[in-house]
Amino acid sequence: MASFLTGLRRLYLSIYNWTVFIGWFQVLFLTLKTLRESGHEHVYNAVEKPLLLAQSAAVLEILHGLTGLVRSPVSSTLPQIGSRLYLTWGILWSFPEIRTHILVTSLVISWSITEIIRYSFFGMKEAFGFAPSWHLWLRYSTFLVLYPTGISSEVGLIYFALPFIKASEKYCIRMPNKWNFSFDYFYAAILALGIYVPGSPHLYRYMLGQRKRALSKSKKE
């Protein structure tokens, strides 16, 4: 029974990882194709559907961690996925005015390359029980460049979206109301920017630690 459940778990995670890999591969392909043919102003419109689907599918990773399907701690997975979902739905999807900014291109390129490597790495491990050493190196090394470019793009897009957030008053709740509660999405966005200041270096140090452990372990093997 235990071996059956293990096999079922590996089958599910293999399908999940390779499916999301295809989604991110499509995002990168369409980004590069659009850049060459039309320019960065049209990148978001070209990648919107696969981007929304691929990024939203990451919610399942939180459930994977909570249920013990994977060993990744939810404490590190949740902020990474949460910030990505906020950018995807709370900024890009919600405020069309920001979609033509060049930072959208640097964002989706950084995200897609990172995720293509990550999902194919875990897809290989679940499907075949191993991943090549070069794949392991890419998995734990490309973030050295792609994390700073991705985070810089995220912060920049939130910042440049602030005037549109303030003017639109979208997602704001004003008093008086039956809940006796108010919420201002503009100040929530400023708070999100503030969280990036301590949060980004913390996650970067966490990934450096992961890299050191993973690469040292592969050398011993």
N, C-alpha and C. Protein backbone atom coordinates (compact mmCIF):
# COMPACT_ATOMS: atom_id res chain seq x y z
N MET A 1 0.83 -1.21 0.00
CA MET A 1 0.00 0.00 0.00
C MET A 1 0.86 1.26 0.00
N ALA A 2 1.94 1.24 0.81
CA ALA A 2 2.82 2.40 0.90
C ALA A 2 3.51 2.67 -0.42
N SER A 3 3.94 1.60 -1.10
CA SER A 3 4.62 1.77 -2.39
C SER A 3 3.65 2.29 -3.45
N PHE A 4 2.39 1.87 -3.36
CA PHE A 4 1.38 2.35 -4.29
C PHE A 4 1.16 3.85 -4.12
N LEU A 5 1.05 4.28 -2.85
CA LEU A 5 0.83 5.71 -2.57
C LEU A 5 2.04 6.53 -2.98
N THR A 6 3.24 5.97 -2.80
CA THR A 6 4.46 6.67 -3.23
C THR A 6 4.48 6.83 -4.74
N GLY A 7 4.09 5.77 -5.44
CA GLY A 7 4.03 5.83 -6.90
C GLY A 7 2.98 6.82 -7.38
N LEU A 8 1.85 6.85 -6.69
CA LEU A 8 0.78 7.79 -7.04
C LEU A 8 1.23 9.24 -6.81
N ARG A 9 1.93 9.45 -5.70
CA ARG A 9 2.46 10.79 -5.39
C ARG A 9 3.43 11.24 -6.47
N ARG A 10 4.35 10.36 -6.87
CA ARG A 10 5.34 10.71 -7.88
C ARG A 10 4.69 10.96 -9.24
N LEU A 11 3.66 10.19 -9.55
CA LEU A 11 2.96 10.39 -10.83
C LEU A 11 2.28 11.75 -10.84
N TYR A 12 1.59 12.07 -9.76
CA TYR A 12 0.91 13.36 -9.68
C TYR A 12 1.89 14.52 -9.77
N LEU A 13 2.98 14.46 -8.99
CA LEU A 13 3.96 15.56 -9.00
C LEU A 13 4.67 15.66 -10.34
N SER A 14 4.88 14.53 -11.01
CA SER A 14 5.49 14.57 -12.35
C SER A 14 4.57 15.30 -13.32
N ILE A 15 3.29 14.93 -13.32
CA ILE A 15 2.33 15.57 -14.21
C ILE A 15 2.22 17.06 -13.90
N TYR A 16 2.16 17.38 -12.60
CA TYR A 16 2.06 18.78 -12.19
C TYR A 16 3.25 19.58 -12.67
N ASN A 17 4.46 19.10 -12.38
CA ASN A 17 5.67 19.85 -12.73
C ASN A 17 5.84 20.02 -14.23
N TRP A 18 5.58 18.97 -15.00
CA TRP A 18 5.77 19.08 -16.44
C TRP A 18 4.67 19.92 -17.09
N THR A 19 3.47 19.91 -16.52
CA THR A 19 2.39 20.74 -17.05
C THR A 19 2.70 22.22 -16.85
N VAL A 20 3.15 22.57 -15.64
CA VAL A 20 3.48 23.97 -15.37
C VAL A 20 4.73 24.38 -16.15
N PHE A 21 5.66 23.45 -16.34
CA PHE A 21 6.84 23.72 -17.17
C PHE A 21 6.42 24.14 -18.57
N ILE A 22 5.46 23.42 -19.15
CA ILE A 22 4.97 23.76 -20.50
C ILE A 22 4.37 25.17 -20.51
N GLY A 23 3.64 25.50 -19.45
CA GLY A 23 3.06 26.84 -19.36
C GLY A 23 4.11 27.93 -19.35
N TRP A 24 5.15 27.75 -18.54
CA TRP A 24 6.21 28.77 -18.47
C TRP A 24 7.06 28.80 -19.75
N PHE A 25 7.23 27.65 -20.38
CA PHE A 25 7.94 27.62 -21.65
C PHE A 25 7.18 28.44 -22.70
N GLN A 26 5.86 28.32 -22.67
CA GLN A 26 5.03 29.10 -23.59
C GLN A 26 5.16 30.59 -23.31
N VAL A 27 5.21 30.96 -22.03
CA VAL A 27 5.38 32.37 -21.65
C VAL A 27 6.69 32.91 -22.21
N LEU A 28 7.78 32.17 -22.03
CA LEU A 28 9.08 32.64 -22.52
C LEU A 28 9.10 32.71 -24.04
N PHE A 29 8.56 31.69 -24.70
CA PHE A 29 8.54 31.68 -26.17
C PHE A 29 7.77 32.87 -26.72
N LEU A 30 6.58 33.12 -26.16
CA LEU A 30 5.76 34.23 -26.65
C LEU A 30 6.40 35.58 -26.33
N THR A 31 7.08 35.67 -25.20
CA THR A 31 7.77 36.91 -24.85
C THR A 31 8.85 37.24 -25.87
N LEU A 32 9.71 36.27 -26.16
CA LEU A 32 10.81 36.50 -27.10
C LEU A 32 10.28 36.75 -28.52
N LYS A 33 9.25 36.02 -28.90
CA LYS A 33 8.64 36.18 -30.22
C LYS A 33 8.04 37.59 -30.37
N THR A 34 7.33 38.03 -29.34
CA THR A 34 6.70 39.35 -29.38
C THR A 34 7.73 40.46 -29.35
N LEU A 35 8.79 40.28 -28.56
CA LEU A 35 9.86 41.27 -28.53
C LEU A 35 10.46 41.49 -29.90
N ARG A 36 10.67 40.39 -30.60
CA ARG A 36 11.29 40.46 -31.93
C ARG A 36 10.34 41.06 -32.96
N GLU A 37 9.07 40.74 -32.86
CA GLU A 37 8.13 41.14 -33.90
C GLU A 37 7.41 42.47 -33.62
N SER A 38 7.13 42.74 -32.34
CA SER A 38 6.28 43.90 -32.04
C SER A 38 6.85 44.88 -31.02
N GLY A 39 7.76 44.44 -30.17
CA GLY A 39 8.30 45.32 -29.14
C GLY A 39 7.75 45.01 -27.76
N HIS A 40 8.40 45.56 -26.74
CA HIS A 40 8.05 45.21 -25.36
C HIS A 40 6.66 45.68 -24.95
N GLU A 41 6.12 46.69 -25.65
CA GLU A 41 4.80 47.20 -25.30
C GLU A 41 3.69 46.15 -25.44
N HIS A 42 3.93 45.14 -26.26
CA HIS A 42 2.90 44.14 -26.55
C HIS A 42 3.15 42.80 -25.85
N VAL A 43 4.17 42.74 -25.02
CA VAL A 43 4.52 41.46 -24.39
C VAL A 43 3.40 40.96 -23.48
N TYR A 44 2.86 41.83 -22.64
CA TYR A 44 1.85 41.34 -21.69
C TYR A 44 0.64 40.75 -22.41
N ASN A 45 0.13 41.44 -23.41
CA ASN A 45 -1.04 40.94 -24.13
C ASN A 45 -0.77 39.58 -24.75
N ALA A 46 0.47 39.36 -25.16
CA ALA A 46 0.82 38.09 -25.79
C ALA A 46 0.90 36.94 -24.79
N VAL A 47 1.33 37.25 -23.57
CA VAL A 47 1.58 36.18 -22.59
C VAL A 47 0.52 36.08 -21.50
N GLU A 48 -0.48 36.95 -21.54
CA GLU A 48 -1.42 37.05 -20.41
C GLU A 48 -2.02 35.71 -20.00
N LYS A 49 -2.61 34.97 -20.93
CA LYS A 49 -3.31 33.74 -20.58
C LYS A 49 -2.37 32.68 -19.98
N PRO A 50 -1.28 32.33 -20.66
CA PRO A 50 -0.39 31.33 -20.04
C PRO A 50 0.26 31.83 -18.76
N LEU A 51 0.52 33.13 -18.66
CA LEU A 51 1.10 33.68 -17.43
C LEU A 51 0.15 33.53 -16.25
N LEU A 52 -1.11 33.91 -16.45
CA LEU A 52 -2.10 33.79 -15.38
C LEU A 52 -2.28 32.35 -14.94
N LEU A 53 -2.33 31.43 -15.90
CA LEU A 53 -2.52 30.02 -15.58
C LEU A 53 -1.30 29.43 -14.88
N ALA A 54 -0.12 29.67 -15.44
CA ALA A 54 1.10 29.09 -14.87
C ALA A 54 1.39 29.63 -13.47
N GLN A 55 1.20 30.95 -13.29
CA GLN A 55 1.48 31.52 -11.98
C GLN A 55 0.43 31.12 -10.95
N SER A 56 -0.82 31.05 -11.37
CA SER A 56 -1.88 30.65 -10.44
C SER A 56 -1.74 29.19 -10.02
N ALA A 57 -1.19 28.37 -10.90
CA ALA A 57 -1.00 26.95 -10.56
C ALA A 57 -0.04 26.77 -9.39
N ALA A 58 0.76 27.79 -9.12
CA ALA A 58 1.72 27.71 -8.01
C ALA A 58 1.02 27.65 -6.65
N VAL A 59 -0.26 28.03 -6.60
CA VAL A 59 -1.01 27.93 -5.35
C VAL A 59 -0.99 26.49 -4.83
N LEU A 60 -1.00 25.54 -5.76
CA LEU A 60 -0.98 24.14 -5.38
C LEU A 60 0.28 23.78 -4.60
N GLU A 61 1.37 24.52 -4.83
CA GLU A 61 2.61 24.22 -4.11
C GLU A 61 2.47 24.48 -2.61
N ILE A 62 1.64 25.46 -2.26
CA ILE A 62 1.37 25.71 -0.84
C ILE A 62 0.64 24.50 -0.26
N LEU A 63 -0.33 23.98 -0.99
CA LEU A 63 -1.06 22.79 -0.54
C LEU A 63 -0.15 21.58 -0.48
N HIS A 64 0.78 21.47 -1.43
CA HIS A 64 1.74 20.36 -1.41
C HIS A 64 2.55 20.38 -0.13
N GLY A 65 2.98 21.58 0.27
CA GLY A 65 3.76 21.71 1.49
C GLY A 65 2.94 21.43 2.73
N LEU A 66 1.71 21.93 2.76
CA LEU A 66 0.84 21.73 3.92
C LEU A 66 0.47 20.27 4.12
N THR A 67 0.29 19.54 3.03
CA THR A 67 -0.12 18.13 3.12
C THR A 67 1.05 17.17 3.19
N GLY A 68 2.29 17.69 3.06
CA GLY A 68 3.46 16.83 3.16
C GLY A 68 3.84 16.13 1.87
N LEU A 69 3.23 16.52 0.76
CA LEU A 69 3.60 15.92 -0.53
C LEU A 69 5.03 16.26 -0.90
N VAL A 70 5.48 17.46 -0.51
CA VAL A 70 6.86 17.89 -0.74
C VAL A 70 7.45 18.37 0.57
N ARG A 71 8.78 18.47 0.63
CA ARG A 71 9.44 18.84 1.87
C ARG A 71 9.68 20.35 2.00
N SER A 72 9.33 21.11 0.96
CA SER A 72 9.56 22.55 1.00
C SER A 72 8.76 23.19 2.13
N PRO A 73 9.41 23.99 2.98
CA PRO A 73 8.68 24.63 4.07
C PRO A 73 7.72 25.70 3.56
N VAL A 74 6.51 25.69 4.09
CA VAL A 74 5.50 26.66 3.68
C VAL A 74 5.94 28.09 4.01
N SER A 75 6.75 28.23 5.06
CA SER A 75 7.21 29.55 5.50
C SER A 75 8.03 30.26 4.43
N SER A 76 8.71 29.50 3.57
CA SER A 76 9.48 30.10 2.48
C SER A 76 8.70 30.12 1.17
N THR A 77 7.83 29.12 0.99
CA THR A 77 7.04 29.03 -0.24
C THR A 77 5.96 30.10 -0.30
N LEU A 78 5.28 30.33 0.82
CA LEU A 78 4.14 31.25 0.85
C LEU A 78 4.48 32.68 0.44
N PRO A 79 5.55 33.31 1.00
CA PRO A 79 5.85 34.69 0.58
C PRO A 79 6.27 34.80 -0.87
N GLN A 80 6.99 33.80 -1.39
CA GLN A 80 7.41 33.85 -2.79
C GLN A 80 6.21 33.77 -3.72
N ILE A 81 5.33 32.81 -3.46
CA ILE A 81 4.15 32.64 -4.29
C ILE A 81 3.18 33.81 -4.09
N GLY A 82 3.05 34.25 -2.85
CA GLY A 82 2.15 35.37 -2.56
C GLY A 82 2.54 36.64 -3.30
N SER A 83 3.83 36.95 -3.32
CA SER A 83 4.28 38.16 -4.03
C SER A 83 4.08 38.03 -5.53
N ARG A 84 4.30 36.83 -6.05
CA ARG A 84 4.10 36.60 -7.49
C ARG A 84 2.62 36.77 -7.87
N LEU A 85 1.75 36.21 -7.05
CA LEU A 85 0.31 36.31 -7.32
C LEU A 85 -0.16 37.76 -7.21
N TYR A 86 0.40 38.47 -6.25
CA TYR A 86 0.04 39.88 -6.09
C TYR A 86 0.43 40.67 -7.34
N LEU A 87 1.64 40.42 -7.85
CA LEU A 87 2.07 41.12 -9.08
C LEU A 87 1.21 40.72 -10.27
N THR A 88 0.95 39.42 -10.38
CA THR A 88 0.22 38.90 -11.54
C THR A 88 -1.22 39.40 -11.58
N TRP A 89 -1.93 39.23 -10.47
CA TRP A 89 -3.35 39.58 -10.43
C TRP A 89 -3.61 40.99 -9.87
N GLY A 90 -2.88 41.33 -8.81
CA GLY A 90 -3.15 42.58 -8.13
C GLY A 90 -2.58 43.81 -8.80
N ILE A 91 -1.59 43.62 -9.68
CA ILE A 91 -0.99 44.76 -10.39
C ILE A 91 -1.21 44.65 -11.89
N LEU A 92 -0.64 43.65 -12.53
CA LEU A 92 -0.69 43.56 -14.00
C LEU A 92 -2.11 43.34 -14.52
N TRP A 93 -2.83 42.40 -13.93
CA TRP A 93 -4.19 42.12 -14.41
C TRP A 93 -5.14 43.25 -14.03
N SER A 94 -4.94 43.85 -12.86
CA SER A 94 -5.87 44.85 -12.35
C SER A 94 -5.69 46.24 -12.94
N PHE A 95 -4.47 46.56 -13.38
CA PHE A 95 -4.20 47.92 -13.86
C PHE A 95 -3.54 47.86 -15.24
N PRO A 96 -4.35 47.86 -16.28
CA PRO A 96 -3.85 47.75 -17.67
C PRO A 96 -2.86 48.84 -18.05
N GLU A 97 -2.90 49.98 -17.37
CA GLU A 97 -2.02 51.10 -17.72
C GLU A 97 -0.54 50.75 -17.57
N ILE A 98 -0.23 49.77 -16.74
CA ILE A 98 1.17 49.43 -16.44
C ILE A 98 1.71 48.33 -17.37
N ARG A 99 0.84 47.73 -18.16
CA ARG A 99 1.21 46.54 -18.92
C ARG A 99 2.22 46.78 -20.04
N THR A 100 2.33 48.02 -20.51
CA THR A 100 3.25 48.30 -21.61
C THR A 100 4.64 48.71 -21.12
N HIS A 101 4.84 48.75 -19.82
CA HIS A 101 6.14 49.15 -19.26
C HIS A 101 7.18 48.09 -19.57
N ILE A 102 8.40 48.50 -19.83
CA ILE A 102 9.47 47.56 -20.18
C ILE A 102 9.80 46.60 -19.05
N LEU A 103 9.49 47.00 -17.81
CA LEU A 103 9.74 46.11 -16.67
C LEU A 103 8.88 44.86 -16.71
N VAL A 104 7.77 44.91 -17.43
CA VAL A 104 6.96 43.70 -17.61
C VAL A 104 7.77 42.64 -18.34
N THR A 105 8.54 43.07 -19.32
CA THR A 105 9.37 42.14 -20.09
C THR A 105 10.46 41.53 -19.22
N SER A 106 11.18 42.37 -18.46
CA SER A 106 12.23 41.83 -17.60
C SER A 106 11.65 40.92 -16.53
N LEU A 107 10.43 41.23 -16.08
CA LEU A 107 9.76 40.41 -15.08
C LEU A 107 9.45 39.02 -15.62
N VAL A 108 8.76 38.96 -16.76
CA VAL A 108 8.33 37.65 -17.26
C VAL A 108 9.51 36.83 -17.77
N ILE A 109 10.56 37.47 -18.26
CA ILE A 109 11.75 36.72 -18.66
C ILE A 109 12.43 36.12 -17.43
N SER A 110 12.59 36.92 -16.38
CA SER A 110 13.20 36.43 -15.14
C SER A 110 12.38 35.29 -14.54
N TRP A 111 11.08 35.50 -14.46
CA TRP A 111 10.22 34.46 -13.90
C TRP A 111 10.23 33.19 -14.74
N SER A 112 10.07 33.34 -16.05
CA SER A 112 9.91 32.16 -16.90
C SER A 112 11.18 31.31 -16.97
N ILE A 113 12.34 31.94 -17.08
CA ILE A 113 13.58 31.16 -17.10
C ILE A 113 13.76 30.42 -15.78
N THR A 114 13.51 31.13 -14.68
CA THR A 114 13.61 30.50 -13.35
C THR A 114 12.70 29.29 -13.25
N GLU A 115 11.45 29.46 -13.68
CA GLU A 115 10.47 28.39 -13.51
C GLU A 115 10.64 27.25 -14.50
N ILE A 116 11.11 27.55 -15.69
CA ILE A 116 11.41 26.48 -16.65
C ILE A 116 12.47 25.54 -16.08
N ILE A 117 13.50 26.13 -15.49
CA ILE A 117 14.56 25.33 -14.89
C ILE A 117 14.04 24.58 -13.66
N ARG A 118 13.30 25.27 -12.82
CA ARG A 118 12.85 24.66 -11.55
C ARG A 118 11.85 23.53 -11.79
N TYR A 119 10.84 23.77 -12.62
CA TYR A 119 9.83 22.73 -12.82
C TYR A 119 10.37 21.54 -13.60
N SER A 120 11.27 21.78 -14.55
CA SER A 120 11.86 20.64 -15.27
C SER A 120 12.78 19.85 -14.37
N PHE A 121 13.47 20.54 -13.44
CA PHE A 121 14.34 19.86 -12.48
C PHE A 121 13.53 18.91 -11.59
N PHE A 122 12.46 19.42 -11.01
CA PHE A 122 11.64 18.58 -10.15
C PHE A 122 10.85 17.55 -10.95
N GLY A 123 10.49 17.91 -12.18
CA GLY A 123 9.83 16.94 -13.05
C GLY A 123 10.74 15.76 -13.35
N MET A 124 12.01 16.02 -13.60
CA MET A 124 12.99 14.96 -13.83
C MET A 124 13.15 14.08 -12.59
N LYS A 125 13.24 14.71 -11.43
CA LYS A 125 13.46 13.96 -10.20
C LYS A 125 12.25 13.06 -9.88
N GLU A 126 11.06 13.58 -10.10
CA GLU A 126 9.87 12.78 -9.79
C GLU A 126 9.65 11.68 -10.83
N ALA A 127 9.92 11.98 -12.10
CA ALA A 127 9.67 11.01 -13.17
C ALA A 127 10.75 9.93 -13.24
N PHE A 128 12.01 10.34 -13.05
CA PHE A 128 13.13 9.40 -13.25
C PHE A 128 13.96 9.14 -12.00
N GLY A 129 13.69 9.89 -10.94
CA GLY A 129 14.42 9.66 -9.70
C GLY A 129 15.75 10.38 -9.59
N PHE A 130 16.10 11.16 -10.61
CA PHE A 130 17.36 11.91 -10.58
C PHE A 130 17.27 13.07 -11.56
N ALA A 131 18.24 13.97 -11.44
CA ALA A 131 18.40 15.06 -12.41
C ALA A 131 19.89 15.19 -12.69
N PRO A 132 20.28 15.51 -13.93
CA PRO A 132 21.70 15.65 -14.26
C PRO A 132 22.38 16.72 -13.42
N SER A 133 23.68 16.59 -13.24
CA SER A 133 24.43 17.53 -12.40
C SER A 133 24.35 18.96 -12.95
N TRP A 134 24.35 19.11 -14.28
CA TRP A 134 24.26 20.44 -14.86
C TRP A 134 22.90 21.09 -14.57
N HIS A 135 21.87 20.22 -14.49
CA HIS A 135 20.54 20.71 -14.19
C HIS A 135 20.46 21.17 -12.73
N LEU A 136 21.12 20.40 -11.86
CA LEU A 136 21.20 20.77 -10.45
C LEU A 136 21.91 22.12 -10.29
N TRP A 137 23.00 22.30 -11.03
CA TRP A 137 23.74 23.56 -10.95
C TRP A 137 22.87 24.73 -11.42
N LEU A 138 22.17 24.55 -12.53
CA LEU A 138 21.28 25.60 -13.03
C LEU A 138 20.19 25.92 -12.01
N ARG A 139 19.62 24.87 -11.44
CA ARG A 139 18.52 25.06 -10.47
C ARG A 139 18.96 25.93 -9.29
N TYR A 140 20.19 25.73 -8.84
CA TYR A 140 20.63 26.44 -7.64
C TYR A 140 21.64 27.56 -7.91
N SER A 141 21.77 27.97 -9.17
CA SER A 141 22.73 29.04 -9.48
C SER A 141 22.13 30.20 -10.27
N THR A 142 21.17 29.93 -11.14
CA THR A 142 20.64 31.00 -11.99
C THR A 142 19.92 32.08 -11.19
N PHE A 143 19.45 31.74 -9.98
CA PHE A 143 18.77 32.76 -9.17
C PHE A 143 19.72 33.88 -8.77
N LEU A 144 21.04 33.62 -8.80
CA LEU A 144 22.01 34.65 -8.42
C LEU A 144 21.83 35.90 -9.26
N VAL A 145 21.40 35.72 -10.52
CA VAL A 145 21.13 36.85 -11.41
C VAL A 145 19.63 37.10 -11.54
N LEU A 146 18.85 36.02 -11.70
CA LEU A 146 17.44 36.17 -12.02
C LEU A 146 16.59 36.63 -10.83
N TYR A 147 17.02 36.32 -9.62
CA TYR A 147 16.26 36.82 -8.46
C TYR A 147 16.36 38.34 -8.35
N PRO A 148 17.57 38.93 -8.43
CA PRO A 148 17.65 40.40 -8.39
C PRO A 148 16.89 41.08 -9.54
N THR A 149 16.99 40.53 -10.75
CA THR A 149 16.27 41.15 -11.87
C THR A 149 14.76 41.01 -11.70
N GLY A 150 14.33 39.87 -11.20
CA GLY A 150 12.90 39.66 -10.98
C GLY A 150 12.35 40.56 -9.88
N ILE A 151 13.06 40.61 -8.75
CA ILE A 151 12.62 41.43 -7.63
C ILE A 151 12.62 42.91 -8.00
N SER A 152 13.66 43.35 -8.71
CA SER A 152 13.73 44.76 -9.15
C SER A 152 12.55 45.10 -10.05
N SER A 153 12.19 44.18 -10.92
CA SER A 153 11.04 44.40 -11.81
C SER A 153 9.75 44.45 -11.02
N GLU A 154 9.60 43.56 -10.03
CA GLU A 154 8.40 43.55 -9.20
C GLU A 154 8.23 44.88 -8.46
N VAL A 155 9.30 45.30 -7.80
CA VAL A 155 9.26 46.55 -7.04
C VAL A 155 8.97 47.73 -7.96
N GLY A 156 9.64 47.76 -9.12
CA GLY A 156 9.45 48.85 -10.07
C GLY A 156 8.02 48.93 -10.58
N LEU A 157 7.42 47.79 -10.87
CA LEU A 157 6.06 47.78 -11.40
C LEU A 157 5.04 48.22 -10.35
N ILE A 158 5.25 47.81 -9.11
CA ILE A 158 4.35 48.27 -8.04
C ILE A 158 4.47 49.79 -7.90
N TYR A 159 5.71 50.27 -7.91
CA TYR A 159 5.94 51.71 -7.76
C TYR A 159 5.28 52.51 -8.89
N PHE A 160 5.50 52.07 -10.12
CA PHE A 160 4.94 52.80 -11.26
C PHE A 160 3.42 52.65 -11.37
N ALA A 161 2.87 51.63 -10.71
CA ALA A 161 1.42 51.45 -10.71
C ALA A 161 0.72 52.31 -9.67
N LEU A 162 1.47 52.84 -8.71
CA LEU A 162 0.87 53.60 -7.61
C LEU A 162 -0.07 54.72 -8.05
N PRO A 163 0.32 55.56 -9.04
CA PRO A 163 -0.60 56.63 -9.47
C PRO A 163 -1.92 56.09 -10.01
N PHE A 164 -1.87 54.97 -10.72
CA PHE A 164 -3.09 54.38 -11.28
C PHE A 164 -3.94 53.74 -10.19
N ILE A 165 -3.27 53.15 -9.21
CA ILE A 165 -4.00 52.57 -8.07
C ILE A 165 -4.75 53.67 -7.31
N LYS A 166 -4.05 54.78 -7.07
CA LYS A 166 -4.65 55.88 -6.32
C LYS A 166 -5.80 56.52 -7.07
N ALA A 167 -5.62 56.73 -8.36
CA ALA A 167 -6.66 57.40 -9.16
C ALA A 167 -7.91 56.54 -9.33
N SER A 168 -7.72 55.24 -9.46
CA SER A 168 -8.86 54.36 -9.74
C SER A 168 -9.68 54.02 -8.50
N GLU A 169 -9.01 54.00 -7.35
CA GLU A 169 -9.64 53.57 -6.08
C GLU A 169 -10.20 52.16 -6.18
N LYS A 170 -9.65 51.37 -7.08
CA LYS A 170 -10.08 49.98 -7.22
C LYS A 170 -9.74 49.19 -5.95
N TYR A 171 -10.63 48.31 -5.56
CA TYR A 171 -10.50 47.44 -4.39
C TYR A 171 -10.53 48.19 -3.06
N CYS A 172 -10.86 49.48 -3.09
CA CYS A 172 -10.95 50.25 -1.85
C CYS A 172 -12.33 50.07 -1.21
N ILE A 173 -12.35 50.09 0.09
CA ILE A 173 -13.60 50.02 0.84
C ILE A 173 -13.69 51.30 1.67
N ARG A 174 -14.72 52.08 1.44
CA ARG A 174 -14.87 53.36 2.11
C ARG A 174 -15.94 53.30 3.20
N MET A 175 -15.72 54.11 4.21
CA MET A 175 -16.72 54.26 5.27
C MET A 175 -17.76 55.30 4.82
N PRO A 176 -18.98 55.26 5.30
CA PRO A 176 -19.51 54.23 6.21
C PRO A 176 -19.98 53.00 5.43
N ASN A 177 -19.97 51.87 6.08
CA ASN A 177 -20.50 50.63 5.53
C ASN A 177 -20.95 49.73 6.67
N LYS A 178 -21.65 48.67 6.35
CA LYS A 178 -22.24 47.82 7.39
C LYS A 178 -21.19 47.06 8.20
N TRP A 179 -19.97 46.96 7.63
CA TRP A 179 -18.90 46.27 8.37
C TRP A 179 -18.11 47.22 9.26
N ASN A 180 -18.36 48.53 9.09
CA ASN A 180 -17.61 49.55 9.84
C ASN A 180 -16.11 49.36 9.65
N PHE A 181 -15.74 49.19 8.39
CA PHE A 181 -14.36 48.84 8.04
C PHE A 181 -13.96 49.59 6.78
N SER A 182 -12.73 50.06 6.74
CA SER A 182 -12.23 50.73 5.53
C SER A 182 -10.92 50.09 5.09
N PHE A 183 -10.68 50.14 3.79
CA PHE A 183 -9.45 49.57 3.22
C PHE A 183 -9.05 50.40 2.02
N ASP A 184 -7.77 50.75 1.95
CA ASP A 184 -7.25 51.55 0.84
C ASP A 184 -6.16 50.75 0.13
N TYR A 185 -6.44 50.37 -1.11
CA TYR A 185 -5.51 49.53 -1.86
C TYR A 185 -4.20 50.26 -2.15
N PHE A 186 -4.24 51.58 -2.24
CA PHE A 186 -3.04 52.38 -2.48
C PHE A 186 -2.05 52.21 -1.33
N TYR A 187 -2.54 52.33 -0.11
CA TYR A 187 -1.66 52.18 1.05
C TYR A 187 -1.23 50.72 1.24
N ALA A 188 -2.08 49.80 0.82
CA ALA A 188 -1.70 48.39 0.86
C ALA A 188 -0.54 48.12 -0.09
N ALA A 189 -0.55 48.80 -1.25
CA ALA A 189 0.56 48.66 -2.21
C ALA A 189 1.85 49.25 -1.65
N ILE A 190 1.73 50.37 -0.95
CA ILE A 190 2.91 50.97 -0.31
C ILE A 190 3.45 50.03 0.77
N LEU A 191 2.54 49.41 1.52
CA LEU A 191 2.96 48.43 2.53
C LEU A 191 3.68 47.25 1.88
N ALA A 192 3.16 46.80 0.74
CA ALA A 192 3.80 45.70 0.01
C ALA A 192 5.22 46.08 -0.39
N LEU A 193 5.40 47.31 -0.85
CA LEU A 193 6.74 47.78 -1.20
C LEU A 193 7.65 47.76 0.03
N GLY A 194 7.10 48.15 1.18
CA GLY A 194 7.88 48.14 2.40
C GLY A 194 8.30 46.74 2.82
N ILE A 195 7.45 45.75 2.55
CA ILE A 195 7.77 44.37 2.91
C ILE A 195 8.93 43.84 2.07
N TYR A 196 9.05 44.34 0.83
CA TYR A 196 10.14 43.88 -0.03
C TYR A 196 11.52 44.23 0.56
N VAL A 197 11.59 45.33 1.32
CA VAL A 197 12.89 45.79 1.84
C VAL A 197 13.55 44.75 2.74
N PRO A 198 12.86 44.26 3.80
CA PRO A 198 13.49 43.21 4.60
C PRO A 198 13.29 41.81 3.99
N GLY A 199 12.18 41.63 3.26
CA GLY A 199 11.85 40.30 2.76
C GLY A 199 12.77 39.79 1.68
N SER A 200 13.14 40.65 0.74
CA SER A 200 13.97 40.22 -0.39
C SER A 200 15.35 39.73 0.03
N PRO A 201 16.10 40.48 0.85
CA PRO A 201 17.40 39.98 1.31
C PRO A 201 17.28 38.68 2.10
N HIS A 202 16.20 38.56 2.90
CA HIS A 202 16.00 37.34 3.69
C HIS A 202 15.84 36.12 2.78
N LEU A 203 14.99 36.24 1.74
CA LEU A 203 14.79 35.13 0.81
C LEU A 203 16.05 34.83 0.01
N TYR A 204 16.79 35.88 -0.32
CA TYR A 204 18.03 35.69 -1.08
C TYR A 204 19.05 34.91 -0.24
N ARG A 205 19.16 35.27 1.03
CA ARG A 205 20.06 34.53 1.92
C ARG A 205 19.60 33.09 2.10
N TYR A 206 18.29 32.89 2.17
CA TYR A 206 17.74 31.54 2.28
C TYR A 206 18.12 30.70 1.07
N MET A 207 18.01 31.29 -0.12
CA MET A 207 18.35 30.56 -1.35
C MET A 207 19.85 30.32 -1.46
N LEU A 208 20.65 31.24 -0.95
CA LEU A 208 22.10 31.01 -0.92
C LEU A 208 22.43 29.81 -0.05
N GLY A 209 21.73 29.71 1.08
CA GLY A 209 21.92 28.56 1.96
C GLY A 209 21.50 27.26 1.29
N GLN A 210 20.38 27.31 0.59
CA GLN A 210 19.91 26.15 -0.17
C GLN A 210 20.93 25.72 -1.20
N ARG A 211 21.49 26.70 -1.90
CA ARG A 211 22.48 26.43 -2.94
C ARG A 211 23.71 25.75 -2.37
N LYS A 212 24.20 26.28 -1.25
CA LYS A 212 25.39 25.72 -0.62
C LYS A 212 25.16 24.27 -0.21
N ARG A 213 24.00 24.00 0.40
CA ARG A 213 23.70 22.63 0.84
C ARG A 213 23.53 21.68 -0.34
N ALA A 214 22.80 22.13 -1.37
CA ALA A 214 22.52 21.26 -2.51
C ALA A 214 23.79 20.92 -3.29
N LEU A 215 24.63 21.93 -3.55
CA LEU A 215 25.84 21.69 -4.34
C LEU A 215 26.89 20.91 -3.55
N SER A 216 27.00 21.16 -2.25
CA SER A 216 27.95 20.40 -1.45
C SER A 216 27.52 18.95 -1.33
N LYS A 217 26.22 18.71 -1.23
CA LYS A 217 25.71 17.36 -1.17
C LYS A 217 25.96 16.60 -2.46
N SER A 218 25.83 17.28 -3.60
CA SER A 218 26.06 16.63 -4.90
C SER A 218 27.53 16.28 -5.08
N LYS A 219 28.44 17.08 -4.52
CA LYS A 219 29.87 16.77 -4.62
C LYS A 219 30.22 15.53 -3.83
N LYS A 220 29.57 15.37 -2.66
CA LYS A 220 29.84 14.19 -1.83
C LYS A 220 29.35 12.92 -2.49
N GLU A 221 28.24 13.07 -3.24
CA GLU A 221 27.68 11.90 -3.93
C GLU A 221 28.46 11.54 -5.18
